[in-house]
Amino acid sequence: MPREKWVGKLLECKAMKIVITGNGKERFKALHRGKLNNRTDIDILSAYNAEIRGLYNFYSMANDAWKIGMFANVMKYSMLKTFATKYRTSVNQIKVKFIKNGQFTVTYETRSGSKEAVYYNGGFERKKEPSSLDDVDVLPAYKKYGRTNSLRDRIKRGECELCGKKTDNIELHQVKRLKDLTGAEPWEAAMLKRRRKNVGSLYRLPFHYTS
């Protein structure tokens, strides 16, 4: 695994900077990532884990795949600094708050209750077979996207959201702001009732869009 790849990834993510010491040697300094500050705890942890898994899956068959551990160590300290910046505290206080049984652990809520996710701890042994890329971007038991009430899934159901009838001809009504709705039309009333900016109804016009 080329050094410039994992070092370059750290620089690209702005997770560290390279400092030249007085004797001319390079030193890595982990940095907090400001773009993640406003995200939830689970989103921050997921972002770091996804980047580690992605690099490992790509280089998992390399003879020196263990080098990704150095990448992960810098990323971990960057993550600690990101959490410290978010909560306006020190890295040591973040460790006290989040380290559980020796693992950095984030608790998050799901429909089925509270769950926990940890910072990547799967090791970096060389693999003989290519890694599956199905879950590179997500933590086990945590998925941010693919909600069952997404617009795509609602249209696929082929059901008018005003009367409930099945149809292959769905007309999409959409607005930018709910406050622009008057409720004069049935689809407007449905949007206001559901606090949603789009609704699908039986086909009447090719497409309706209100700016």
N, C-alpha and C. Protein backbone atom coordinates (compact mmCIF):
# COMPACT_ATOMS: atom_id res chain seq x y z
N MET A 1 0.85 -1.19 0.00
CA MET A 1 0.00 0.00 0.00
C MET A 1 0.88 1.24 0.00
N PRO A 2 0.83 2.05 -1.05
CA PRO A 2 1.67 3.26 -1.14
C PRO A 2 1.39 4.24 -0.01
N ARG A 3 2.45 4.76 0.58
CA ARG A 3 2.31 5.71 1.69
C ARG A 3 1.53 6.94 1.25
N GLU A 4 1.79 7.39 0.03
CA GLU A 4 1.12 8.61 -0.42
C GLU A 4 -0.39 8.45 -0.51
N LYS A 5 -0.88 7.21 -0.59
CA LYS A 5 -2.32 6.99 -0.70
C LYS A 5 -3.02 7.27 0.64
N TRP A 6 -2.52 6.63 1.72
CA TRP A 6 -3.21 6.84 2.98
C TRP A 6 -2.90 8.20 3.59
N VAL A 7 -1.68 8.70 3.36
CA VAL A 7 -1.36 10.05 3.82
C VAL A 7 -2.18 11.07 3.03
N GLY A 8 -2.28 10.86 1.72
CA GLY A 8 -3.05 11.75 0.86
C GLY A 8 -4.52 11.77 1.24
N LYS A 9 -5.05 10.60 1.65
CA LYS A 9 -6.45 10.53 2.07
C LYS A 9 -6.67 11.34 3.34
N LEU A 10 -5.72 11.28 4.26
CA LEU A 10 -5.84 12.07 5.49
C LEU A 10 -5.84 13.57 5.18
N LEU A 11 -4.98 13.97 4.26
CA LEU A 11 -4.91 15.38 3.89
C LEU A 11 -6.18 15.80 3.14
N GLU A 12 -6.67 14.91 2.29
CA GLU A 12 -7.89 15.20 1.52
C GLU A 12 -9.08 15.38 2.45
N CYS A 13 -9.16 14.57 3.48
CA CYS A 13 -10.25 14.66 4.45
C CYS A 13 -10.07 15.82 5.42
N LYS A 14 -8.90 16.43 5.38
CA LYS A 14 -8.54 17.51 6.32
C LYS A 14 -8.59 17.01 7.75
N ALA A 15 -8.17 15.74 7.91
CA ALA A 15 -8.13 15.14 9.24
C ALA A 15 -6.78 15.37 9.92
N MET A 16 -5.80 15.89 9.17
CA MET A 16 -4.49 16.16 9.75
C MET A 16 -3.75 17.16 8.89
N LYS A 17 -2.64 17.64 9.43
CA LYS A 17 -1.69 18.42 8.66
C LYS A 17 -0.29 17.92 9.00
N ILE A 18 0.64 18.14 8.09
CA ILE A 18 2.02 17.70 8.30
C ILE A 18 2.83 18.87 8.82
N VAL A 19 3.48 18.66 9.95
CA VAL A 19 4.31 19.69 10.57
C VAL A 19 5.77 19.25 10.47
N ILE A 20 6.64 20.16 10.07
CA ILE A 20 8.07 19.87 9.99
C ILE A 20 8.73 20.31 11.30
N THR A 21 9.36 19.37 11.97
CA THR A 21 10.00 19.66 13.25
C THR A 21 11.33 20.39 13.05
N GLY A 22 11.95 20.80 14.16
CA GLY A 22 13.22 21.54 14.09
C GLY A 22 14.34 20.78 13.44
N ASN A 23 14.29 19.44 13.54
CA ASN A 23 15.35 18.63 12.91
C ASN A 23 14.97 18.17 11.51
N GLY A 24 13.91 18.78 10.95
CA GLY A 24 13.55 18.50 9.56
C GLY A 24 12.67 17.28 9.35
N LYS A 25 12.20 16.65 10.41
CA LYS A 25 11.36 15.46 10.27
C LYS A 25 9.88 15.84 10.21
N GLU A 26 9.12 14.98 9.56
CA GLU A 26 7.68 15.21 9.46
C GLU A 26 6.96 14.69 10.70
N ARG A 27 5.95 15.43 11.12
CA ARG A 27 5.11 14.98 12.22
C ARG A 27 3.66 15.21 11.84
N PHE A 28 2.83 14.19 12.05
CA PHE A 28 1.42 14.30 11.73
C PHE A 28 0.67 14.93 12.91
N LYS A 29 -0.12 15.94 12.62
CA LYS A 29 -0.94 16.58 13.65
C LYS A 29 -2.41 16.43 13.28
N ALA A 30 -3.13 15.65 14.08
CA ALA A 30 -4.56 15.42 13.81
C ALA A 30 -5.33 16.72 13.98
N LEU A 31 -6.36 16.89 13.14
CA LEU A 31 -7.18 18.10 13.17
C LEU A 31 -8.65 17.76 13.34
N HIS A 32 -9.39 18.65 13.97
CA HIS A 32 -10.84 18.47 14.00
C HIS A 32 -11.39 18.84 12.62
N ARG A 33 -12.51 18.27 12.26
CA ARG A 33 -13.11 18.52 10.95
C ARG A 33 -14.37 19.35 11.13
N GLY A 34 -14.23 20.63 10.85
CA GLY A 34 -15.31 21.58 11.10
C GLY A 34 -16.60 21.25 10.39
N LYS A 35 -16.52 20.62 9.20
CA LYS A 35 -17.73 20.32 8.44
C LYS A 35 -18.62 19.29 9.13
N LEU A 36 -18.05 18.57 10.10
CA LEU A 36 -18.83 17.55 10.80
C LEU A 36 -19.40 18.04 12.13
N ASN A 37 -19.03 19.23 12.53
CA ASN A 37 -19.39 19.72 13.87
C ASN A 37 -20.89 19.74 14.12
N ASN A 38 -21.68 20.04 13.10
CA ASN A 38 -23.12 20.19 13.30
C ASN A 38 -23.90 18.90 13.08
N ARG A 39 -23.19 17.81 12.85
CA ARG A 39 -23.86 16.53 12.64
C ARG A 39 -24.11 15.83 13.98
N THR A 40 -24.99 14.84 13.94
CA THR A 40 -25.26 14.06 15.14
C THR A 40 -24.04 13.19 15.47
N ASP A 41 -23.99 12.70 16.70
CA ASP A 41 -22.86 11.86 17.11
C ASP A 41 -22.72 10.63 16.22
N ILE A 42 -23.85 9.99 15.91
CA ILE A 42 -23.78 8.78 15.10
C ILE A 42 -23.35 9.09 13.68
N ASP A 43 -23.72 10.26 13.17
CA ASP A 43 -23.30 10.65 11.82
C ASP A 43 -21.79 10.89 11.76
N ILE A 44 -21.25 11.52 12.80
CA ILE A 44 -19.81 11.77 12.85
C ILE A 44 -19.05 10.45 12.89
N LEU A 45 -19.47 9.56 13.80
CA LEU A 45 -18.82 8.25 13.91
C LEU A 45 -18.93 7.48 12.60
N SER A 46 -20.11 7.52 11.98
CA SER A 46 -20.33 6.80 10.72
C SER A 46 -19.42 7.31 9.61
N ALA A 47 -19.21 8.63 9.57
CA ALA A 47 -18.35 9.22 8.53
C ALA A 47 -16.93 8.69 8.65
N TYR A 48 -16.40 8.67 9.86
CA TYR A 48 -15.03 8.18 10.06
C TYR A 48 -14.95 6.68 9.77
N ASN A 49 -15.90 5.92 10.26
CA ASN A 49 -15.87 4.47 10.02
C ASN A 49 -15.98 4.13 8.54
N ALA A 50 -16.81 4.88 7.82
CA ALA A 50 -16.98 4.63 6.38
C ALA A 50 -15.68 4.87 5.63
N GLU A 51 -14.94 5.93 6.00
CA GLU A 51 -13.68 6.24 5.32
C GLU A 51 -12.62 5.18 5.62
N ILE A 52 -12.61 4.68 6.84
CA ILE A 52 -11.65 3.63 7.20
C ILE A 52 -12.00 2.34 6.47
N ARG A 53 -13.27 1.96 6.51
CA ARG A 53 -13.68 0.73 5.82
C ARG A 53 -13.43 0.82 4.32
N GLY A 54 -13.70 2.00 3.76
CA GLY A 54 -13.51 2.16 2.32
C GLY A 54 -12.06 1.96 1.92
N LEU A 55 -11.12 2.55 2.67
CA LEU A 55 -9.70 2.40 2.35
C LEU A 55 -9.24 0.96 2.57
N TYR A 56 -9.72 0.36 3.66
CA TYR A 56 -9.32 -1.02 3.95
C TYR A 56 -9.86 -1.99 2.90
N ASN A 57 -11.10 -1.82 2.50
CA ASN A 57 -11.67 -2.71 1.48
C ASN A 57 -10.92 -2.60 0.16
N PHE A 58 -10.42 -1.40 -0.13
CA PHE A 58 -9.70 -1.20 -1.39
C PHE A 58 -8.31 -1.86 -1.35
N TYR A 59 -7.65 -1.78 -0.19
CA TYR A 59 -6.28 -2.29 -0.08
C TYR A 59 -6.17 -3.54 0.78
N SER A 60 -7.28 -4.21 1.05
CA SER A 60 -7.26 -5.34 1.98
C SER A 60 -6.44 -6.53 1.48
N MET A 61 -6.19 -6.61 0.18
CA MET A 61 -5.41 -7.72 -0.37
C MET A 61 -3.92 -7.38 -0.52
N ALA A 62 -3.55 -6.18 -0.13
CA ALA A 62 -2.13 -5.78 -0.22
C ALA A 62 -1.33 -6.48 0.87
N ASN A 63 -0.05 -6.76 0.58
CA ASN A 63 0.81 -7.43 1.56
C ASN A 63 0.96 -6.62 2.84
N ASP A 64 0.93 -5.30 2.70
CA ASP A 64 1.11 -4.43 3.87
C ASP A 64 -0.19 -3.71 4.23
N ALA A 65 -1.31 -4.43 4.16
CA ALA A 65 -2.60 -3.84 4.50
C ALA A 65 -2.62 -3.32 5.93
N TRP A 66 -1.73 -3.84 6.77
CA TRP A 66 -1.66 -3.41 8.17
C TRP A 66 -1.38 -1.91 8.30
N LYS A 67 -0.80 -1.31 7.26
CA LYS A 67 -0.49 0.12 7.31
C LYS A 67 -1.74 0.99 7.46
N ILE A 68 -2.88 0.43 7.08
CA ILE A 68 -4.12 1.19 7.22
C ILE A 68 -4.39 1.48 8.71
N GLY A 69 -3.78 0.67 9.57
CA GLY A 69 -3.91 0.93 11.00
C GLY A 69 -3.34 2.29 11.39
N MET A 70 -2.27 2.72 10.71
CA MET A 70 -1.70 4.05 10.97
C MET A 70 -2.68 5.13 10.53
N PHE A 71 -3.32 4.89 9.39
CA PHE A 71 -4.37 5.80 8.91
C PHE A 71 -5.50 5.90 9.93
N ALA A 72 -5.93 4.74 10.44
CA ALA A 72 -7.04 4.69 11.39
C ALA A 72 -6.69 5.38 12.70
N ASN A 73 -5.43 5.28 13.13
CA ASN A 73 -5.03 5.92 14.38
C ASN A 73 -5.13 7.45 14.28
N VAL A 74 -4.66 8.00 13.16
CA VAL A 74 -4.75 9.45 12.97
C VAL A 74 -6.21 9.86 12.87
N MET A 75 -7.01 9.07 12.16
CA MET A 75 -8.44 9.37 12.01
C MET A 75 -9.14 9.35 13.37
N LYS A 76 -8.74 8.42 14.23
CA LYS A 76 -9.38 8.33 15.54
C LYS A 76 -9.12 9.60 16.36
N TYR A 77 -7.88 10.08 16.33
CA TYR A 77 -7.59 11.27 17.11
C TYR A 77 -8.28 12.49 16.49
N SER A 78 -8.39 12.51 15.16
CA SER A 78 -9.13 13.57 14.49
C SER A 78 -10.60 13.54 14.93
N MET A 79 -11.16 12.33 15.03
CA MET A 79 -12.55 12.20 15.47
C MET A 79 -12.72 12.70 16.90
N LEU A 80 -11.78 12.35 17.78
CA LEU A 80 -11.85 12.81 19.16
C LEU A 80 -11.82 14.34 19.22
N LYS A 81 -10.97 14.93 18.39
CA LYS A 81 -10.89 16.40 18.35
C LYS A 81 -12.17 17.00 17.79
N THR A 82 -12.78 16.32 16.83
CA THR A 82 -14.03 16.81 16.25
C THR A 82 -15.13 16.80 17.30
N PHE A 83 -15.22 15.72 18.07
CA PHE A 83 -16.21 15.65 19.16
C PHE A 83 -15.91 16.70 20.22
N ALA A 84 -14.62 16.90 20.53
CA ALA A 84 -14.25 17.89 21.54
C ALA A 84 -14.65 19.29 21.10
N THR A 85 -14.46 19.58 19.82
CA THR A 85 -14.87 20.89 19.29
C THR A 85 -16.38 21.05 19.32
N LYS A 86 -17.08 19.98 18.94
CA LYS A 86 -18.55 20.03 18.94
C LYS A 86 -19.09 20.33 20.34
N TYR A 87 -18.53 19.67 21.34
CA TYR A 87 -19.03 19.83 22.71
C TYR A 87 -18.25 20.88 23.51
N ARG A 88 -17.33 21.55 22.83
CA ARG A 88 -16.55 22.62 23.46
C ARG A 88 -15.89 22.15 24.75
N THR A 89 -15.18 21.06 24.64
CA THR A 89 -14.49 20.48 25.78
C THR A 89 -13.15 19.91 25.33
N SER A 90 -12.50 19.14 26.17
CA SER A 90 -11.19 18.58 25.85
C SER A 90 -11.31 17.15 25.33
N VAL A 91 -10.26 16.69 24.68
CA VAL A 91 -10.23 15.31 24.19
C VAL A 91 -10.36 14.34 25.36
N ASN A 92 -9.71 14.64 26.48
CA ASN A 92 -9.78 13.76 27.65
C ASN A 92 -11.20 13.63 28.17
N GLN A 93 -11.95 14.74 28.17
CA GLN A 93 -13.34 14.69 28.62
C GLN A 93 -14.21 13.89 27.65
N ILE A 94 -13.90 13.99 26.37
CA ILE A 94 -14.63 13.20 25.38
C ILE A 94 -14.38 11.71 25.59
N LYS A 95 -13.14 11.36 25.92
CA LYS A 95 -12.84 9.95 26.20
C LYS A 95 -13.64 9.46 27.40
N VAL A 96 -13.70 10.28 28.43
CA VAL A 96 -14.46 9.90 29.63
C VAL A 96 -15.93 9.68 29.28
N LYS A 97 -16.46 10.53 28.42
CA LYS A 97 -17.88 10.46 28.07
C LYS A 97 -18.21 9.29 27.15
N PHE A 98 -17.33 8.99 26.20
CA PHE A 98 -17.69 8.03 25.14
C PHE A 98 -16.98 6.68 25.21
N ILE A 99 -15.87 6.58 25.93
CA ILE A 99 -15.18 5.28 25.98
C ILE A 99 -15.95 4.33 26.90
N LYS A 100 -16.30 3.18 26.36
CA LYS A 100 -17.06 2.17 27.11
C LYS A 100 -16.44 0.80 26.84
N ASN A 101 -15.99 0.15 27.89
CA ASN A 101 -15.32 -1.16 27.75
C ASN A 101 -14.14 -1.09 26.78
N GLY A 102 -13.43 0.05 26.84
CA GLY A 102 -12.25 0.21 26.01
C GLY A 102 -12.52 0.63 24.58
N GLN A 103 -13.79 0.81 24.22
CA GLN A 103 -14.16 1.17 22.85
C GLN A 103 -14.86 2.52 22.83
N PHE A 104 -14.56 3.32 21.80
CA PHE A 104 -15.30 4.58 21.61
C PHE A 104 -16.69 4.21 21.14
N THR A 105 -17.70 4.54 21.96
CA THR A 105 -19.06 4.05 21.73
C THR A 105 -20.06 5.20 21.67
N VAL A 106 -20.90 5.17 20.65
CA VAL A 106 -21.97 6.17 20.50
C VAL A 106 -23.31 5.46 20.62
N THR A 107 -24.17 5.98 21.47
CA THR A 107 -25.53 5.46 21.61
C THR A 107 -26.48 6.29 20.76
N TYR A 108 -27.34 5.65 20.01
CA TYR A 108 -28.28 6.37 19.15
C TYR A 108 -29.64 5.69 19.19
N GLU A 109 -30.66 6.44 18.84
CA GLU A 109 -32.03 5.95 18.93
C GLU A 109 -32.53 5.43 17.58
N THR A 110 -33.27 4.35 17.61
CA THR A 110 -33.94 3.80 16.44
C THR A 110 -35.40 3.55 16.82
N ARG A 111 -36.18 3.14 15.86
CA ARG A 111 -37.59 2.86 16.15
C ARG A 111 -37.74 1.71 17.12
N SER A 112 -36.76 0.82 17.14
CA SER A 112 -36.83 -0.34 18.04
C SER A 112 -36.15 -0.08 19.37
N GLY A 113 -35.64 1.14 19.57
CA GLY A 113 -35.00 1.46 20.83
C GLY A 113 -33.56 1.93 20.67
N SER A 114 -32.86 2.05 21.79
CA SER A 114 -31.47 2.53 21.77
C SER A 114 -30.52 1.44 21.27
N LYS A 115 -29.53 1.87 20.47
CA LYS A 115 -28.50 0.96 19.99
C LYS A 115 -27.15 1.63 20.16
N GLU A 116 -26.09 0.83 20.04
CA GLU A 116 -24.74 1.35 20.18
C GLU A 116 -23.90 1.02 18.96
N ALA A 117 -23.00 1.93 18.61
CA ALA A 117 -22.05 1.71 17.53
C ALA A 117 -20.67 2.11 18.05
N VAL A 118 -19.64 1.42 17.59
CA VAL A 118 -18.29 1.69 18.08
C VAL A 118 -17.38 2.11 16.93
N TYR A 119 -16.29 2.78 17.30
CA TYR A 119 -15.27 3.13 16.31
C TYR A 119 -14.69 1.85 15.75
N TYR A 120 -14.35 1.86 14.46
CA TYR A 120 -13.90 0.64 13.77
C TYR A 120 -12.86 -0.12 14.58
N ASN A 121 -13.13 -1.40 14.81
CA ASN A 121 -12.21 -2.25 15.58
C ASN A 121 -12.01 -3.62 14.95
N GLY A 122 -12.19 -3.68 13.62
CA GLY A 122 -12.13 -4.97 12.94
C GLY A 122 -10.75 -5.44 12.52
N GLY A 123 -9.71 -4.65 12.81
CA GLY A 123 -8.37 -5.06 12.42
C GLY A 123 -8.09 -4.81 10.94
N PHE A 124 -6.82 -5.04 10.56
CA PHE A 124 -6.42 -4.76 9.17
C PHE A 124 -5.54 -5.88 8.61
N GLU A 125 -5.96 -7.09 8.84
CA GLU A 125 -5.22 -8.23 8.30
C GLU A 125 -5.39 -8.31 6.78
N ARG A 126 -4.37 -8.86 6.15
CA ARG A 126 -4.46 -9.04 4.70
C ARG A 126 -5.51 -10.09 4.38
N LYS A 127 -6.35 -9.82 3.37
CA LYS A 127 -7.38 -10.76 2.97
C LYS A 127 -6.99 -11.47 1.68
N LYS A 128 -7.44 -12.69 1.55
CA LYS A 128 -7.14 -13.47 0.35
C LYS A 128 -8.22 -13.29 -0.71
N GLU A 129 -9.38 -12.82 -0.27
CA GLU A 129 -10.50 -12.63 -1.20
C GLU A 129 -10.92 -11.17 -1.17
N PRO A 130 -11.42 -10.65 -2.28
CA PRO A 130 -11.88 -9.26 -2.32
C PRO A 130 -12.96 -9.02 -1.27
N SER A 131 -12.97 -7.83 -0.70
CA SER A 131 -13.97 -7.48 0.30
C SER A 131 -15.30 -7.15 -0.34
N SER A 132 -16.38 -7.46 0.34
CA SER A 132 -17.69 -7.02 -0.11
C SER A 132 -17.83 -5.54 0.16
N LEU A 133 -18.33 -4.79 -0.83
CA LEU A 133 -18.45 -3.34 -0.70
C LEU A 133 -19.87 -2.93 -0.33
N ASP A 134 -20.70 -3.93 0.03
CA ASP A 134 -22.11 -3.61 0.28
C ASP A 134 -22.30 -2.64 1.43
N ASP A 135 -21.44 -2.72 2.47
CA ASP A 135 -21.68 -1.91 3.66
C ASP A 135 -20.54 -0.95 3.95
N VAL A 136 -19.82 -0.53 2.90
CA VAL A 136 -18.68 0.35 3.11
C VAL A 136 -19.11 1.66 3.76
N ASP A 137 -20.25 2.18 3.37
CA ASP A 137 -20.64 3.51 3.80
C ASP A 137 -21.58 3.55 5.00
N VAL A 138 -21.82 2.39 5.60
CA VAL A 138 -22.74 2.39 6.74
C VAL A 138 -22.19 1.53 7.87
N LEU A 139 -22.58 1.84 9.07
CA LEU A 139 -22.27 1.01 10.22
C LEU A 139 -23.27 -0.13 10.29
N PRO A 140 -22.89 -1.27 10.84
CA PRO A 140 -23.88 -2.32 11.06
C PRO A 140 -25.03 -1.77 11.90
N ALA A 141 -26.23 -2.10 11.52
CA ALA A 141 -27.43 -1.71 12.25
C ALA A 141 -27.71 -0.21 12.20
N TYR A 142 -27.02 0.51 11.29
CA TYR A 142 -27.34 1.94 11.18
C TYR A 142 -27.35 2.32 9.73
N LYS A 143 -28.46 2.88 9.25
CA LYS A 143 -28.57 3.34 7.89
C LYS A 143 -29.26 4.69 7.90
N LYS A 144 -28.69 5.64 7.21
CA LYS A 144 -29.26 6.99 7.22
C LYS A 144 -30.32 7.16 6.16
N TYR A 145 -30.15 6.45 5.02
CA TYR A 145 -31.03 6.69 3.89
C TYR A 145 -31.96 5.50 3.66
N GLY A 146 -32.75 5.58 2.60
CA GLY A 146 -33.64 4.50 2.24
C GLY A 146 -34.88 4.43 3.12
N ARG A 147 -35.41 5.55 3.54
CA ARG A 147 -36.59 5.56 4.38
C ARG A 147 -37.80 5.04 3.63
N THR A 148 -38.68 4.34 4.34
CA THR A 148 -39.84 3.73 3.69
C THR A 148 -40.82 4.76 3.17
N ASN A 149 -40.78 5.99 3.68
CA ASN A 149 -41.72 7.00 3.22
C ASN A 149 -41.10 7.95 2.21
N SER A 150 -40.03 7.52 1.55
CA SER A 150 -39.38 8.36 0.57
C SER A 150 -40.29 8.57 -0.63
N LEU A 151 -40.06 9.66 -1.36
CA LEU A 151 -40.88 9.98 -2.52
C LEU A 151 -40.84 8.85 -3.54
N ARG A 152 -39.66 8.28 -3.75
CA ARG A 152 -39.52 7.20 -4.73
C ARG A 152 -40.42 6.02 -4.38
N ASP A 153 -40.38 5.59 -3.13
CA ASP A 153 -41.17 4.43 -2.72
C ASP A 153 -42.66 4.73 -2.77
N ARG A 154 -43.03 5.97 -2.44
CA ARG A 154 -44.44 6.33 -2.48
C ARG A 154 -44.98 6.29 -3.90
N ILE A 155 -44.19 6.76 -4.87
CA ILE A 155 -44.62 6.73 -6.27
C ILE A 155 -44.70 5.29 -6.78
N LYS A 156 -43.73 4.45 -6.35
CA LYS A 156 -43.72 3.05 -6.77
C LYS A 156 -44.98 2.31 -6.32
N ARG A 157 -45.53 2.71 -5.18
CA ARG A 157 -46.72 2.03 -4.68
C ARG A 157 -47.92 2.23 -5.61
N GLY A 158 -47.90 3.28 -6.44
CA GLY A 158 -48.98 3.51 -7.39
C GLY A 158 -50.31 3.75 -6.72
N GLU A 159 -50.30 4.57 -5.69
CA GLU A 159 -51.52 4.81 -4.93
C GLU A 159 -51.74 6.31 -4.78
N CYS A 160 -52.93 6.77 -5.09
CA CYS A 160 -53.27 8.17 -4.93
C CYS A 160 -53.27 8.50 -3.44
N GLU A 161 -52.55 9.53 -3.06
CA GLU A 161 -52.45 9.88 -1.65
C GLU A 161 -53.60 10.78 -1.19
N LEU A 162 -54.52 11.05 -2.09
CA LEU A 162 -55.72 11.81 -1.72
C LEU A 162 -56.92 10.89 -1.48
N CYS A 163 -57.09 9.90 -2.39
CA CYS A 163 -58.27 9.04 -2.25
C CYS A 163 -57.92 7.58 -1.96
N GLY A 164 -56.64 7.21 -2.11
CA GLY A 164 -56.23 5.84 -1.82
C GLY A 164 -56.39 4.86 -2.96
N LYS A 165 -56.88 5.32 -4.14
CA LYS A 165 -57.08 4.42 -5.27
C LYS A 165 -55.74 4.03 -5.90
N LYS A 166 -55.69 2.79 -6.41
CA LYS A 166 -54.51 2.31 -7.12
C LYS A 166 -54.53 2.86 -8.54
N THR A 167 -53.37 3.31 -9.04
CA THR A 167 -53.29 3.88 -10.38
C THR A 167 -51.86 3.83 -10.88
N ASP A 168 -51.69 3.75 -12.20
CA ASP A 168 -50.37 3.82 -12.82
C ASP A 168 -50.04 5.24 -13.25
N ASN A 169 -51.01 6.15 -13.11
CA ASN A 169 -50.82 7.53 -13.54
C ASN A 169 -50.86 8.47 -12.33
N ILE A 170 -49.70 8.73 -11.79
CA ILE A 170 -49.59 9.60 -10.61
C ILE A 170 -49.17 11.00 -11.04
N GLU A 171 -49.88 11.99 -10.55
CA GLU A 171 -49.51 13.39 -10.78
C GLU A 171 -48.81 13.89 -9.52
N LEU A 172 -47.64 14.43 -9.66
CA LEU A 172 -46.89 14.93 -8.52
C LEU A 172 -47.14 16.41 -8.32
N HIS A 173 -47.56 16.79 -7.13
CA HIS A 173 -47.70 18.19 -6.75
C HIS A 173 -46.59 18.50 -5.76
N GLN A 174 -45.89 19.58 -5.98
CA GLN A 174 -44.75 19.91 -5.12
C GLN A 174 -44.60 21.41 -4.95
N VAL A 175 -44.21 21.82 -3.77
CA VAL A 175 -43.98 23.23 -3.49
C VAL A 175 -42.63 23.38 -2.78
N LYS A 176 -42.10 24.59 -2.81
CA LYS A 176 -40.85 24.86 -2.11
C LYS A 176 -41.08 25.18 -0.64
N ARG A 177 -42.21 25.86 -0.35
CA ARG A 177 -42.46 26.28 1.03
C ARG A 177 -43.92 26.01 1.39
N LEU A 178 -44.14 25.38 2.53
CA LEU A 178 -45.50 25.09 2.96
C LEU A 178 -46.31 26.36 3.20
N LYS A 179 -45.63 27.42 3.59
CA LYS A 179 -46.36 28.66 3.90
C LYS A 179 -46.98 29.29 2.65
N ASP A 180 -46.57 28.83 1.44
CA ASP A 180 -47.16 29.35 0.21
C ASP A 180 -48.50 28.69 -0.12
N LEU A 181 -48.83 27.61 0.60
CA LEU A 181 -50.06 26.89 0.31
C LEU A 181 -51.27 27.61 0.92
N THR A 182 -52.39 27.56 0.19
CA THR A 182 -53.62 28.20 0.68
C THR A 182 -54.63 27.17 1.17
N GLY A 183 -54.48 25.92 0.70
CA GLY A 183 -55.45 24.89 1.06
C GLY A 183 -56.65 24.87 0.15
N ALA A 184 -56.63 25.69 -0.91
CA ALA A 184 -57.78 25.79 -1.82
C ALA A 184 -57.98 24.51 -2.61
N GLU A 185 -56.90 23.87 -3.01
CA GLU A 185 -56.98 22.63 -3.77
C GLU A 185 -56.85 21.43 -2.82
N PRO A 186 -57.44 20.28 -3.19
CA PRO A 186 -57.35 19.09 -2.32
C PRO A 186 -55.90 18.68 -2.03
N TRP A 187 -55.03 18.78 -3.06
CA TRP A 187 -53.64 18.39 -2.84
C TRP A 187 -52.92 19.36 -1.91
N GLU A 188 -53.35 20.65 -1.93
CA GLU A 188 -52.77 21.62 -1.01
C GLU A 188 -53.18 21.31 0.43
N ALA A 189 -54.45 20.97 0.60
CA ALA A 189 -54.95 20.63 1.94
C ALA A 189 -54.23 19.40 2.49
N ALA A 190 -53.95 18.43 1.58
CA ALA A 190 -53.26 17.21 2.01
C ALA A 190 -51.83 17.52 2.46
N MET A 191 -51.15 18.41 1.73
CA MET A 191 -49.80 18.79 2.11
C MET A 191 -49.78 19.49 3.46
N LEU A 192 -50.72 20.41 3.65
CA LEU A 192 -50.77 21.14 4.91
C LEU A 192 -51.05 20.20 6.08
N LYS A 193 -51.95 19.25 5.87
CA LYS A 193 -52.32 18.31 6.93
C LYS A 193 -51.13 17.43 7.30
N ARG A 194 -50.36 17.00 6.29
CA ARG A 194 -49.23 16.08 6.53
C ARG A 194 -47.91 16.80 6.77
N ARG A 195 -47.93 18.14 6.63
CA ARG A 195 -46.70 18.93 6.77
C ARG A 195 -45.64 18.40 5.82
N ARG A 196 -46.02 18.19 4.57
CA ARG A 196 -45.13 17.64 3.56
C ARG A 196 -45.20 18.48 2.31
N LYS A 197 -44.07 18.64 1.63
CA LYS A 197 -43.99 19.55 0.49
C LYS A 197 -44.35 18.90 -0.84
N ASN A 198 -44.72 17.62 -0.82
CA ASN A 198 -45.14 16.99 -2.07
C ASN A 198 -46.19 15.93 -1.78
N VAL A 199 -47.00 15.65 -2.77
CA VAL A 199 -48.05 14.64 -2.65
C VAL A 199 -48.37 14.12 -4.04
N GLY A 200 -48.67 12.84 -4.15
CA GLY A 200 -49.02 12.23 -5.43
C GLY A 200 -50.51 11.95 -5.50
N SER A 201 -51.15 12.36 -6.62
CA SER A 201 -52.59 12.14 -6.76
C SER A 201 -52.88 11.53 -8.12
N LEU A 202 -54.14 11.14 -8.36
CA LEU A 202 -54.55 10.60 -9.66
C LEU A 202 -54.20 11.59 -10.76
N TYR A 203 -53.75 11.07 -11.88
CA TYR A 203 -53.28 11.90 -13.00
C TYR A 203 -54.39 12.80 -13.53
N ARG A 204 -54.05 14.10 -13.62
CA ARG A 204 -54.95 15.05 -14.27
C ARG A 204 -54.16 15.88 -15.29
N LEU A 205 -52.96 16.35 -14.86
CA LEU A 205 -52.09 17.15 -15.71
C LEU A 205 -50.72 16.46 -15.80
N PRO A 206 -49.93 16.75 -16.84
CA PRO A 206 -48.63 16.10 -16.98
C PRO A 206 -47.75 16.28 -15.76
N PHE A 207 -47.68 17.49 -15.21
CA PHE A 207 -46.82 17.75 -14.05
C PHE A 207 -47.18 19.11 -13.49
N HIS A 208 -47.23 19.19 -12.21
CA HIS A 208 -47.57 20.47 -11.58
C HIS A 208 -46.45 20.86 -10.63
N TYR A 209 -45.96 22.05 -10.75
CA TYR A 209 -44.92 22.53 -9.83
C TYR A 209 -45.20 23.96 -9.48
N THR A 210 -45.20 24.28 -8.21
CA THR A 210 -45.42 25.63 -7.74
C THR A 210 -44.13 26.18 -7.20
N SER A 211 -43.65 27.28 -7.72
CA SER A 211 -42.39 27.85 -7.26
C SER A 211 -42.61 28.75 -6.06
